Amino acid sequence: MNYIASITSQGQLTIPKPLRDAFGISGRAKVYITQKGDKIELKPYKPRDILSLYGILKENPVVKANKGKPLQQIIDEESTAFEKAIVDNVVEEMGLPPRK
């Protein structure tokens, strides 16, 4: 659907209510503004606070594998794996036979 909107002398634009409703824009909000050739594109900007990240790692296999381990053990295991990956990469890059 097309709408005509006015821009004030201060550059303010009112987004028509049906569009605000359709995109979940309410109250004081922010939008991304992008120039696309000779057009202006607006996208809703929905900031996320730290609390919105709660639970994102719940199903992560690495988190599950390390659940209950002491932090130092996790650090040591990750350091060992990282060192092995570097050595394996160097061996592969140099064309040497793989380590066992």
N, C-alpha and C. Protein backbone atom coordinates (compact mmCIF):
# COMPACT_ATOMS: atom_id res chain seq x y z
N MET A 1 0.84 -1.18 0.00
CA MET A 1 0.00 0.00 0.00
C MET A 1 0.89 1.25 0.00
N ASN A 2 0.48 2.29 -0.66
CA ASN A 2 1.25 3.51 -0.74
C ASN A 2 0.65 4.59 0.14
N TYR A 3 1.51 5.43 0.70
CA TYR A 3 1.08 6.53 1.56
C TYR A 3 1.84 7.78 1.16
N ILE A 4 1.26 8.91 1.43
CA ILE A 4 1.96 10.19 1.27
C ILE A 4 2.13 10.76 2.67
N ALA A 5 3.35 11.16 2.97
CA ALA A 5 3.65 11.74 4.28
C ALA A 5 4.35 13.06 4.08
N SER A 6 4.20 13.94 5.05
CA SER A 6 4.85 15.25 4.99
C SER A 6 6.13 15.24 5.80
N ILE A 7 7.08 16.04 5.36
CA ILE A 7 8.32 16.23 6.09
C ILE A 7 8.31 17.68 6.57
N THR A 8 8.57 17.87 7.87
CA THR A 8 8.54 19.23 8.43
C THR A 8 9.79 19.99 8.02
N SER A 9 9.80 21.28 8.32
CA SER A 9 10.96 22.11 8.00
C SER A 9 12.19 21.67 8.78
N GLN A 10 11.98 20.92 9.86
CA GLN A 10 13.11 20.41 10.65
C GLN A 10 13.52 19.00 10.19
N GLY A 11 12.92 18.51 9.12
CA GLY A 11 13.29 17.21 8.57
C GLY A 11 12.60 16.04 9.23
N GLN A 12 11.57 16.29 10.02
CA GLN A 12 10.88 15.20 10.70
C GLN A 12 9.79 14.60 9.81
N LEU A 13 9.69 13.28 9.88
CA LEU A 13 8.74 12.55 9.07
C LEU A 13 7.85 11.72 9.98
N THR A 14 6.56 11.74 9.74
CA THR A 14 5.64 10.90 10.50
C THR A 14 5.32 9.67 9.65
N ILE A 15 5.58 8.50 10.22
CA ILE A 15 5.27 7.25 9.52
C ILE A 15 3.80 6.95 9.76
N PRO A 16 3.03 6.71 8.71
CA PRO A 16 1.60 6.47 8.87
C PRO A 16 1.31 5.30 9.83
N LYS A 17 0.24 5.44 10.60
CA LYS A 17 -0.11 4.47 11.63
C LYS A 17 -0.21 3.04 11.12
N PRO A 18 -0.85 2.78 9.97
CA PRO A 18 -0.91 1.39 9.51
C PRO A 18 0.49 0.76 9.34
N LEU A 19 1.46 1.54 8.89
CA LEU A 19 2.81 1.02 8.74
C LEU A 19 3.49 0.83 10.10
N ARG A 20 3.27 1.77 11.02
CA ARG A 20 3.84 1.61 12.37
C ARG A 20 3.29 0.34 13.01
N ASP A 21 1.99 0.12 12.86
CA ASP A 21 1.37 -1.08 13.43
C ASP A 21 1.93 -2.35 12.77
N ALA A 22 2.05 -2.33 11.46
CA ALA A 22 2.53 -3.50 10.72
C ALA A 22 3.95 -3.89 11.11
N PHE A 23 4.78 -2.88 11.45
CA PHE A 23 6.18 -3.15 11.77
C PHE A 23 6.48 -3.08 13.27
N GLY A 24 5.44 -2.96 14.08
CA GLY A 24 5.64 -2.96 15.53
C GLY A 24 6.39 -1.74 16.04
N ILE A 25 6.19 -0.62 15.40
CA ILE A 25 6.84 0.63 15.83
C ILE A 25 5.85 1.40 16.69
N SER A 26 6.24 1.66 17.94
CA SER A 26 5.33 2.40 18.81
C SER A 26 6.12 3.39 19.66
N GLY A 27 5.45 4.43 20.08
CA GLY A 27 6.10 5.42 20.93
C GLY A 27 7.33 6.01 20.27
N ARG A 28 8.30 6.33 21.10
CA ARG A 28 9.58 6.83 20.58
C ARG A 28 10.38 5.65 20.06
N ALA A 29 10.71 5.67 18.80
CA ALA A 29 11.41 4.54 18.19
C ALA A 29 12.52 5.06 17.29
N LYS A 30 13.37 4.16 16.89
CA LYS A 30 14.45 4.49 15.97
C LYS A 30 14.32 3.62 14.73
N VAL A 31 14.86 4.11 13.62
CA VAL A 31 14.87 3.34 12.38
C VAL A 31 16.25 3.44 11.75
N TYR A 32 16.61 2.40 10.98
CA TYR A 32 17.79 2.46 10.13
C TYR A 32 17.38 3.21 8.87
N ILE A 33 18.22 4.11 8.40
CA ILE A 33 17.95 4.82 7.16
C ILE A 33 19.10 4.53 6.20
N THR A 34 18.75 4.03 5.02
CA THR A 34 19.76 3.65 4.04
C THR A 34 19.42 4.29 2.70
N GLN A 35 20.44 4.79 2.02
CA GLN A 35 20.24 5.31 0.67
C GLN A 35 20.45 4.17 -0.30
N LYS A 36 19.47 3.92 -1.15
CA LYS A 36 19.55 2.88 -2.17
C LYS A 36 19.34 3.56 -3.53
N GLY A 37 20.42 3.98 -4.13
CA GLY A 37 20.32 4.71 -5.40
C GLY A 37 19.59 6.01 -5.19
N ASP A 38 18.45 6.18 -5.85
CA ASP A 38 17.66 7.40 -5.69
C ASP A 38 16.51 7.22 -4.71
N LYS A 39 16.59 6.19 -3.86
CA LYS A 39 15.54 5.91 -2.89
C LYS A 39 16.09 5.94 -1.47
N ILE A 40 15.20 6.13 -0.53
CA ILE A 40 15.53 6.07 0.90
C ILE A 40 14.79 4.87 1.47
N GLU A 41 15.52 4.01 2.18
CA GLU A 41 14.92 2.83 2.78
C GLU A 41 14.94 2.98 4.30
N LEU A 42 13.81 2.72 4.92
CA LEU A 42 13.69 2.76 6.37
C LEU A 42 13.44 1.35 6.88
N LYS A 43 14.15 0.95 7.95
CA LYS A 43 13.92 -0.34 8.58
C LYS A 43 13.81 -0.12 10.08
N PRO A 44 12.87 -0.79 10.73
CA PRO A 44 12.75 -0.64 12.18
C PRO A 44 14.05 -1.06 12.87
N TYR A 45 14.44 -0.32 13.88
CA TYR A 45 15.61 -0.64 14.70
C TYR A 45 15.09 -1.04 16.06
N LYS A 46 15.37 -2.27 16.43
CA LYS A 46 14.91 -2.76 17.73
C LYS A 46 16.13 -3.08 18.57
N PRO A 47 16.52 -2.15 19.43
CA PRO A 47 17.70 -2.40 20.26
C PRO A 47 17.43 -3.54 21.23
N ARG A 48 18.49 -4.30 21.53
CA ARG A 48 18.35 -5.41 22.48
C ARG A 48 19.22 -5.11 23.68
N ASP A 49 18.65 -5.24 24.83
CA ASP A 49 19.46 -5.05 26.03
C ASP A 49 20.04 -6.39 26.45
N ILE A 50 20.90 -6.38 27.42
CA ILE A 50 21.60 -7.59 27.86
C ILE A 50 20.63 -8.68 28.32
N LEU A 51 19.50 -8.29 28.89
CA LEU A 51 18.54 -9.28 29.37
C LEU A 51 17.87 -10.04 28.23
N SER A 52 17.83 -9.43 27.04
CA SER A 52 17.21 -10.12 25.92
C SER A 52 18.07 -11.27 25.42
N LEU A 53 19.32 -11.34 25.87
CA LEU A 53 20.21 -12.41 25.46
C LEU A 53 20.10 -13.65 26.36
N TYR A 54 19.32 -13.54 27.43
CA TYR A 54 19.18 -14.64 28.38
C TYR A 54 18.73 -15.92 27.67
N GLY A 55 19.46 -16.99 27.88
CA GLY A 55 19.07 -18.29 27.36
C GLY A 55 19.57 -18.62 25.97
N ILE A 56 20.31 -17.72 25.30
CA ILE A 56 20.69 -18.01 23.92
C ILE A 56 21.68 -19.17 23.81
N LEU A 57 22.40 -19.47 24.88
CA LEU A 57 23.37 -20.56 24.83
C LEU A 57 22.83 -21.86 25.41
N LYS A 58 21.58 -21.86 25.80
CA LYS A 58 20.99 -23.01 26.48
C LYS A 58 21.16 -24.32 25.70
N GLU A 59 20.97 -24.28 24.40
CA GLU A 59 21.07 -25.48 23.57
C GLU A 59 22.41 -25.62 22.87
N ASN A 60 23.37 -24.76 23.19
CA ASN A 60 24.68 -24.80 22.55
C ASN A 60 25.44 -26.06 22.98
N PRO A 61 25.92 -26.88 22.03
CA PRO A 61 26.58 -28.14 22.39
C PRO A 61 27.88 -27.93 23.19
N VAL A 62 28.60 -26.87 22.93
CA VAL A 62 29.83 -26.60 23.68
C VAL A 62 29.51 -26.29 25.14
N VAL A 63 28.47 -25.52 25.35
CA VAL A 63 28.04 -25.19 26.71
C VAL A 63 27.59 -26.46 27.43
N LYS A 64 26.81 -27.27 26.73
CA LYS A 64 26.33 -28.53 27.33
C LYS A 64 27.49 -29.45 27.70
N ALA A 65 28.49 -29.54 26.81
CA ALA A 65 29.63 -30.44 27.05
C ALA A 65 30.46 -29.99 28.25
N ASN A 66 30.46 -28.70 28.53
CA ASN A 66 31.29 -28.17 29.61
C ASN A 66 30.52 -27.90 30.90
N LYS A 67 29.24 -28.18 30.89
CA LYS A 67 28.41 -27.90 32.07
C LYS A 67 28.93 -28.66 33.29
N GLY A 68 29.15 -27.95 34.37
CA GLY A 68 29.59 -28.55 35.62
C GLY A 68 31.10 -28.65 35.77
N LYS A 69 31.84 -28.37 34.69
CA LYS A 69 33.30 -28.45 34.78
C LYS A 69 33.83 -27.18 35.45
N PRO A 70 34.92 -27.31 36.20
CA PRO A 70 35.56 -26.11 36.75
C PRO A 70 36.10 -25.24 35.62
N LEU A 71 36.07 -23.94 35.80
CA LEU A 71 36.49 -23.00 34.77
C LEU A 71 37.92 -23.27 34.32
N GLN A 72 38.81 -23.53 35.24
CA GLN A 72 40.21 -23.76 34.87
C GLN A 72 40.36 -24.98 33.97
N GLN A 73 39.57 -26.02 34.22
CA GLN A 73 39.62 -27.22 33.37
C GLN A 73 39.18 -26.88 31.95
N ILE A 74 38.12 -26.08 31.83
CA ILE A 74 37.63 -25.67 30.51
C ILE A 74 38.71 -24.86 29.79
N ILE A 75 39.35 -23.93 30.51
CA ILE A 75 40.41 -23.11 29.92
C ILE A 75 41.56 -23.99 29.45
N ASP A 76 41.98 -24.94 30.28
CA ASP A 76 43.08 -25.82 29.92
C ASP A 76 42.74 -26.67 28.69
N GLU A 77 41.54 -27.23 28.66
CA GLU A 77 41.13 -28.05 27.53
C GLU A 77 41.07 -27.23 26.24
N GLU A 78 40.53 -26.01 26.33
CA GLU A 78 40.45 -25.14 25.15
C GLU A 78 41.84 -24.73 24.67
N SER A 79 42.75 -24.45 25.61
CA SER A 79 44.12 -24.08 25.24
C SER A 79 44.82 -25.23 24.52
N THR A 80 44.65 -26.45 25.04
CA THR A 80 45.25 -27.63 24.42
C THR A 80 44.68 -27.84 23.01
N ALA A 81 43.37 -27.72 22.87
CA ALA A 81 42.73 -27.89 21.56
C ALA A 81 43.20 -26.82 20.58
N PHE A 82 43.34 -25.58 21.06
CA PHE A 82 43.79 -24.48 20.21
C PHE A 82 45.22 -24.73 19.73
N GLU A 83 46.10 -25.13 20.66
CA GLU A 83 47.49 -25.41 20.30
C GLU A 83 47.57 -26.55 19.28
N LYS A 84 46.77 -27.61 19.47
CA LYS A 84 46.75 -28.74 18.54
C LYS A 84 46.28 -28.28 17.16
N ALA A 85 45.27 -27.42 17.11
CA ALA A 85 44.75 -26.93 15.84
C ALA A 85 45.81 -26.12 15.09
N ILE A 86 46.59 -25.33 15.83
CA ILE A 86 47.66 -24.54 15.19
C ILE A 86 48.72 -25.47 14.61
N VAL A 87 49.16 -26.44 15.41
CA VAL A 87 50.18 -27.38 14.94
C VAL A 87 49.66 -28.15 13.73
N ASP A 88 48.44 -28.66 13.80
CA ASP A 88 47.87 -29.41 12.67
C ASP A 88 47.80 -28.56 11.41
N ASN A 89 47.47 -27.28 11.57
CA ASN A 89 47.39 -26.37 10.43
C ASN A 89 48.77 -26.16 9.82
N VAL A 90 49.79 -25.97 10.66
CA VAL A 90 51.15 -25.76 10.16
C VAL A 90 51.64 -27.01 9.44
N VAL A 91 51.38 -28.19 10.04
CA VAL A 91 51.78 -29.45 9.44
C VAL A 91 51.13 -29.60 8.06
N GLU A 92 49.85 -29.29 7.97
CA GLU A 92 49.13 -29.40 6.70
C GLU A 92 49.68 -28.41 5.68
N GLU A 93 49.92 -27.17 6.09
CA GLU A 93 50.43 -26.14 5.19
C GLU A 93 51.81 -26.49 4.64
N MET A 94 52.62 -27.18 5.47
CA MET A 94 53.97 -27.54 5.06
C MET A 94 54.00 -28.86 4.30
N GLY A 95 52.86 -29.54 4.20
CA GLY A 95 52.79 -30.79 3.47
C GLY A 95 53.41 -31.96 4.19
N LEU A 96 53.52 -31.86 5.50
CA LEU A 96 54.09 -32.95 6.30
C LEU A 96 53.03 -33.99 6.60
N PRO A 97 53.46 -35.21 6.95
CA PRO A 97 52.45 -36.22 7.32
C PRO A 97 51.74 -35.81 8.62
N PRO A 98 50.46 -36.13 8.73
CA PRO A 98 49.68 -35.74 9.93
C PRO A 98 50.26 -36.35 11.20
N ARG A 99 50.13 -35.60 12.29
CA ARG A 99 50.57 -36.11 13.61
C ARG A 99 49.56 -37.12 14.12
N LYS A 100 50.06 -37.96 15.01
CA LYS A 100 49.15 -38.93 15.63
C LYS A 100 48.99 -38.62 17.08
